[in-house]
N, C-alpha and C. Protein backbone atom coordinates (compact mmCIF):
# COMPACT_ATOMS: atom_id res chain seq x y z
N LEU A 1 111.35 117.89 -59.63
CA LEU A 1 111.81 117.66 -58.26
C LEU A 1 111.71 118.97 -57.50
N THR A 2 111.08 118.93 -56.34
CA THR A 2 111.03 120.11 -55.49
C THR A 2 111.53 119.73 -54.11
N ALA A 3 112.08 120.70 -53.43
CA ALA A 3 112.58 120.47 -52.08
C ALA A 3 112.49 121.76 -51.30
N ALA A 4 112.42 121.62 -50.02
CA ALA A 4 112.50 122.78 -49.13
C ALA A 4 113.64 122.53 -48.16
N ALA A 5 114.46 123.52 -47.99
CA ALA A 5 115.58 123.41 -47.06
C ALA A 5 115.65 124.68 -46.23
N THR A 6 115.96 124.52 -44.97
CA THR A 6 116.10 125.68 -44.10
C THR A 6 117.44 125.58 -43.39
N GLY A 7 117.90 126.69 -42.88
CA GLY A 7 119.14 126.69 -42.12
C GLY A 7 120.04 127.83 -42.52
N ALA A 8 121.05 128.07 -41.70
CA ALA A 8 122.03 129.12 -41.97
C ALA A 8 123.09 128.55 -42.89
N LEU A 9 122.95 128.83 -44.17
CA LEU A 9 123.90 128.32 -45.16
C LEU A 9 123.90 129.24 -46.36
N ALA A 10 124.95 129.17 -47.15
CA ALA A 10 125.06 129.96 -48.37
C ALA A 10 124.63 129.10 -49.54
N ALA A 11 123.34 129.16 -49.85
CA ALA A 11 122.78 128.29 -50.90
C ALA A 11 123.21 128.75 -52.29
N GLU A 12 123.43 127.78 -53.14
CA GLU A 12 123.74 128.00 -54.55
C GLU A 12 122.64 127.29 -55.34
N GLY A 13 122.47 127.63 -56.59
CA GLY A 13 121.50 126.93 -57.41
C GLY A 13 122.05 125.61 -57.88
N CYS A 14 121.22 124.57 -57.87
CA CYS A 14 121.67 123.25 -58.35
C CYS A 14 122.21 123.33 -59.77
N GLN A 15 121.68 124.25 -60.57
CA GLN A 15 122.14 124.37 -61.95
C GLN A 15 123.60 124.82 -62.04
N ASP A 16 124.14 125.36 -60.94
CA ASP A 16 125.53 125.83 -60.94
C ASP A 16 126.53 124.76 -60.50
N GLU A 17 126.07 123.54 -60.24
CA GLU A 17 126.95 122.51 -59.69
C GLU A 17 128.19 122.28 -60.54
N ARG A 18 128.05 122.29 -61.85
CA ARG A 18 129.19 121.98 -62.73
C ARG A 18 130.29 123.04 -62.67
N SER A 19 129.98 124.23 -62.16
CA SER A 19 130.98 125.30 -62.13
C SER A 19 131.53 125.56 -60.73
N ILE A 20 131.16 124.73 -59.76
CA ILE A 20 131.57 124.94 -58.37
C ILE A 20 132.49 123.81 -57.91
N LYS A 21 133.53 124.17 -57.17
CA LYS A 21 134.43 123.16 -56.60
C LYS A 21 135.01 123.68 -55.30
N SER A 22 135.62 122.78 -54.54
CA SER A 22 136.24 123.16 -53.28
C SER A 22 137.48 124.00 -53.53
N ALA A 23 137.72 124.93 -52.61
CA ALA A 23 138.93 125.74 -52.63
C ALA A 23 139.79 125.30 -51.44
N ASP A 24 140.57 126.20 -50.90
CA ASP A 24 141.48 125.84 -49.82
C ASP A 24 140.74 125.29 -48.59
N SER A 25 141.52 124.77 -47.67
CA SER A 25 140.96 124.19 -46.45
C SER A 25 141.43 125.00 -45.25
N ALA A 26 141.11 126.30 -45.25
CA ALA A 26 141.65 127.20 -44.24
C ALA A 26 140.76 127.33 -43.00
N THR A 27 139.46 127.51 -43.19
CA THR A 27 138.57 127.81 -42.06
C THR A 27 137.65 126.64 -41.78
N ALA A 28 137.93 125.92 -40.70
CA ALA A 28 137.15 124.73 -40.36
C ALA A 28 135.77 125.12 -39.82
N THR A 29 134.80 124.25 -40.07
CA THR A 29 133.45 124.41 -39.58
C THR A 29 132.78 123.04 -39.55
N LYS A 30 131.52 123.00 -39.18
CA LYS A 30 130.76 121.75 -39.19
C LYS A 30 129.42 121.99 -39.87
N VAL A 31 128.90 120.93 -40.47
CA VAL A 31 127.56 120.97 -41.05
C VAL A 31 126.75 119.82 -40.48
N GLN A 32 125.55 120.12 -40.05
CA GLN A 32 124.61 119.07 -39.65
C GLN A 32 123.52 119.00 -40.70
N PHE A 33 123.35 117.83 -41.28
CA PHE A 33 122.30 117.58 -42.26
C PHE A 33 121.14 116.92 -41.53
N LYS A 34 119.99 117.57 -41.48
CA LYS A 34 118.82 117.02 -40.81
C LYS A 34 117.79 116.66 -41.87
N ASN A 35 117.42 115.39 -41.90
CA ASN A 35 116.44 114.94 -42.88
C ASN A 35 115.06 114.86 -42.23
N GLU A 36 114.26 115.89 -42.44
CA GLU A 36 112.90 115.92 -41.92
C GLU A 36 111.88 115.59 -43.01
N SER A 37 112.37 115.07 -44.13
CA SER A 37 111.47 114.64 -45.21
C SER A 37 111.06 113.19 -44.98
N LYS A 38 110.28 112.66 -45.89
CA LYS A 38 109.84 111.26 -45.81
C LYS A 38 110.67 110.35 -46.70
N SER A 39 111.75 110.90 -47.28
CA SER A 39 112.59 110.15 -48.21
C SER A 39 114.04 110.15 -47.77
N ARG A 40 114.76 109.10 -48.13
CA ARG A 40 116.21 109.02 -47.87
C ARG A 40 116.90 110.08 -48.74
N ILE A 41 117.94 110.70 -48.18
CA ILE A 41 118.74 111.65 -48.95
C ILE A 41 120.20 111.20 -48.96
N LYS A 42 120.96 111.71 -49.93
CA LYS A 42 122.38 111.40 -50.05
C LYS A 42 123.17 112.70 -49.91
N ILE A 43 124.33 112.59 -49.25
CA ILE A 43 125.19 113.74 -49.00
C ILE A 43 126.49 113.57 -49.77
N TYR A 44 126.85 114.60 -50.54
CA TYR A 44 128.08 114.58 -51.34
C TYR A 44 128.89 115.85 -51.08
N TRP A 45 130.21 115.68 -51.03
CA TRP A 45 131.14 116.81 -51.04
C TRP A 45 131.58 117.03 -52.47
N LEU A 46 131.67 118.29 -52.90
CA LEU A 46 132.25 118.60 -54.21
C LEU A 46 133.74 118.83 -54.00
N ASN A 47 134.55 117.94 -54.56
CA ASN A 47 136.00 117.98 -54.32
C ASN A 47 136.69 119.10 -55.10
N TYR A 48 138.01 119.09 -55.09
CA TYR A 48 138.79 120.16 -55.72
C TYR A 48 138.68 120.17 -57.24
N ASP A 49 138.17 119.09 -57.81
CA ASP A 49 137.91 119.03 -59.25
C ASP A 49 136.44 119.27 -59.57
N GLY A 50 135.63 119.54 -58.55
CA GLY A 50 134.20 119.76 -58.75
C GLY A 50 133.41 118.47 -58.89
N LYS A 51 134.02 117.34 -58.54
CA LYS A 51 133.35 116.04 -58.64
C LYS A 51 132.72 115.67 -57.30
N ARG A 52 131.58 115.00 -57.37
CA ARG A 52 130.90 114.54 -56.16
C ARG A 52 131.66 113.40 -55.50
N GLU A 53 131.79 113.47 -54.17
CA GLU A 53 132.31 112.36 -53.37
C GLU A 53 131.25 112.04 -52.33
N HIS A 54 130.73 110.81 -52.37
CA HIS A 54 129.64 110.41 -51.47
C HIS A 54 130.14 110.30 -50.04
N TYR A 55 129.41 110.92 -49.12
CA TYR A 55 129.78 110.87 -47.71
C TYR A 55 128.78 110.11 -46.87
N SER A 56 127.48 110.23 -47.16
CA SER A 56 126.51 109.57 -46.29
C SER A 56 125.15 109.49 -46.96
N ASP A 57 124.37 108.49 -46.53
CA ASP A 57 122.94 108.43 -46.80
C ASP A 57 122.25 108.74 -45.48
N VAL A 58 121.21 109.55 -45.51
CA VAL A 58 120.52 109.93 -44.28
C VAL A 58 119.05 109.52 -44.40
N ALA A 59 118.63 108.64 -43.51
CA ALA A 59 117.25 108.15 -43.51
C ALA A 59 116.31 109.24 -43.01
N PRO A 60 115.03 109.13 -43.35
CA PRO A 60 114.04 110.08 -42.83
C PRO A 60 114.08 110.14 -41.31
N GLY A 61 114.02 111.36 -40.77
CA GLY A 61 114.01 111.54 -39.33
C GLY A 61 115.38 111.46 -38.67
N ARG A 62 116.43 111.29 -39.46
CA ARG A 62 117.79 111.15 -38.92
C ARG A 62 118.62 112.39 -39.29
N SER A 63 119.80 112.48 -38.70
CA SER A 63 120.71 113.57 -39.04
C SER A 63 122.13 113.04 -39.16
N TYR A 64 122.99 113.84 -39.76
CA TYR A 64 124.38 113.47 -39.99
C TYR A 64 125.22 114.74 -39.84
N THR A 65 126.27 114.69 -39.05
CA THR A 65 127.15 115.84 -38.86
C THR A 65 128.50 115.56 -39.49
N GLN A 66 129.01 116.55 -40.23
CA GLN A 66 130.26 116.41 -40.95
C GLN A 66 131.17 117.60 -40.68
N GLU A 67 132.42 117.33 -40.31
CA GLU A 67 133.40 118.41 -40.23
C GLU A 67 133.82 118.77 -41.65
N THR A 68 134.01 120.07 -41.90
CA THR A 68 134.32 120.53 -43.24
C THR A 68 135.01 121.89 -43.16
N TYR A 69 135.04 122.59 -44.28
CA TYR A 69 135.63 123.92 -44.37
C TYR A 69 134.66 124.85 -45.08
N MET A 70 134.78 126.15 -44.80
CA MET A 70 133.84 127.11 -45.36
C MET A 70 133.88 127.16 -46.89
N THR A 71 135.00 126.81 -47.47
CA THR A 71 135.14 126.88 -48.93
C THR A 71 134.83 125.55 -49.62
N HIS A 72 134.24 124.62 -48.87
CA HIS A 72 133.90 123.32 -49.44
C HIS A 72 132.39 123.23 -49.67
N PRO A 73 131.96 123.12 -50.93
CA PRO A 73 130.53 123.01 -51.21
C PRO A 73 130.02 121.59 -50.99
N TRP A 74 128.74 121.50 -50.63
CA TRP A 74 128.06 120.23 -50.36
C TRP A 74 126.80 120.15 -51.20
N VAL A 75 126.49 118.93 -51.64
CA VAL A 75 125.29 118.67 -52.43
C VAL A 75 124.44 117.64 -51.70
N VAL A 76 123.17 117.93 -51.57
CA VAL A 76 122.19 116.98 -51.04
C VAL A 76 121.35 116.53 -52.21
N THR A 77 121.19 115.20 -52.38
CA THR A 77 120.41 114.67 -53.50
C THR A 77 119.34 113.70 -53.01
N ASP A 78 118.43 113.39 -53.92
CA ASP A 78 117.51 112.29 -53.66
C ASP A 78 118.25 110.98 -53.94
N THR A 79 117.56 109.86 -53.82
CA THR A 79 118.23 108.56 -54.00
C THR A 79 118.68 108.31 -55.43
N ASN A 80 118.15 109.09 -56.39
CA ASN A 80 118.56 108.96 -57.79
C ASN A 80 119.71 109.88 -58.16
N GLY A 81 120.21 110.65 -57.19
CA GLY A 81 121.32 111.55 -57.47
C GLY A 81 120.90 112.91 -57.99
N GLN A 82 119.60 113.20 -57.98
CA GLN A 82 119.09 114.50 -58.43
C GLN A 82 119.32 115.54 -57.33
N CYS A 83 119.99 116.63 -57.67
CA CYS A 83 120.31 117.67 -56.69
C CYS A 83 119.05 118.27 -56.07
N ILE A 84 119.06 118.36 -54.74
CA ILE A 84 118.01 119.02 -53.98
C ILE A 84 118.53 120.36 -53.46
N LEU A 85 119.78 120.35 -52.99
CA LEU A 85 120.36 121.52 -52.35
C LEU A 85 121.86 121.53 -52.61
N LEU A 86 122.38 122.70 -52.96
CA LEU A 86 123.82 122.92 -53.15
C LEU A 86 124.18 124.14 -52.32
N PHE A 87 125.17 124.02 -51.44
CA PHE A 87 125.50 125.15 -50.56
C PHE A 87 126.93 125.07 -50.08
N ARG A 88 127.38 126.20 -49.54
CA ARG A 88 128.65 126.29 -48.82
C ARG A 88 128.33 126.63 -47.37
N PRO A 89 129.07 126.05 -46.42
CA PRO A 89 128.82 126.34 -45.01
C PRO A 89 129.16 127.80 -44.67
N LEU A 90 128.57 128.29 -43.62
CA LEU A 90 128.87 129.61 -43.08
C LEU A 90 129.71 129.44 -41.81
N PRO A 91 130.29 130.52 -41.29
CA PRO A 91 131.08 130.40 -40.06
C PRO A 91 130.26 129.80 -38.92
N GLY A 92 130.94 129.06 -38.06
CA GLY A 92 130.23 128.39 -36.97
C GLY A 92 129.53 127.15 -37.50
N ALA A 93 128.62 126.64 -36.75
CA ALA A 93 127.91 125.42 -37.15
C ALA A 93 126.79 125.75 -38.12
N THR A 94 126.74 125.04 -39.23
CA THR A 94 125.69 125.18 -40.22
C THR A 94 124.73 124.01 -40.08
N VAL A 95 123.44 124.29 -40.16
CA VAL A 95 122.43 123.23 -40.16
C VAL A 95 121.67 123.31 -41.47
N ALA A 96 121.67 122.22 -42.21
CA ALA A 96 120.89 122.11 -43.44
C ALA A 96 119.74 121.16 -43.16
N THR A 97 118.54 121.69 -43.09
CA THR A 97 117.36 120.89 -42.79
C THR A 97 116.56 120.68 -44.06
N ILE A 98 116.44 119.42 -44.48
CA ILE A 98 115.67 119.08 -45.67
C ILE A 98 114.27 118.69 -45.19
N THR A 99 113.27 119.43 -45.66
CA THR A 99 111.91 119.20 -45.16
C THR A 99 111.02 118.46 -46.14
N THR A 100 111.26 118.60 -47.43
CA THR A 100 110.47 117.85 -48.41
C THR A 100 111.35 117.44 -49.57
N VAL A 101 111.05 116.27 -50.12
CA VAL A 101 111.71 115.78 -51.32
C VAL A 101 110.60 115.16 -52.16
N ASP A 102 110.29 115.77 -53.30
CA ASP A 102 109.22 115.24 -54.18
C ASP A 102 109.80 114.84 -55.51
């Protein structure tokens, strides 16, 4: 699986997903997920136990905006649940643009 993502975000490696979880909810921010690929993507929040919580499916050419916190990690997957992108938002508005999903 390969993917390309652009945007102002603090990317983590998908291989680190099992060791990452949400921390406090102190600094609010927003994330916009833009799907510029040709495939549907799924958006998950990693909760305080490090477990995925499904928030949205985003069709090709569509976007989804989510209010969140800087210490809350997000996972973008393909339709099979395979991680494409794992990141934490940065201050201000974060845009995660998914350009390819193979």
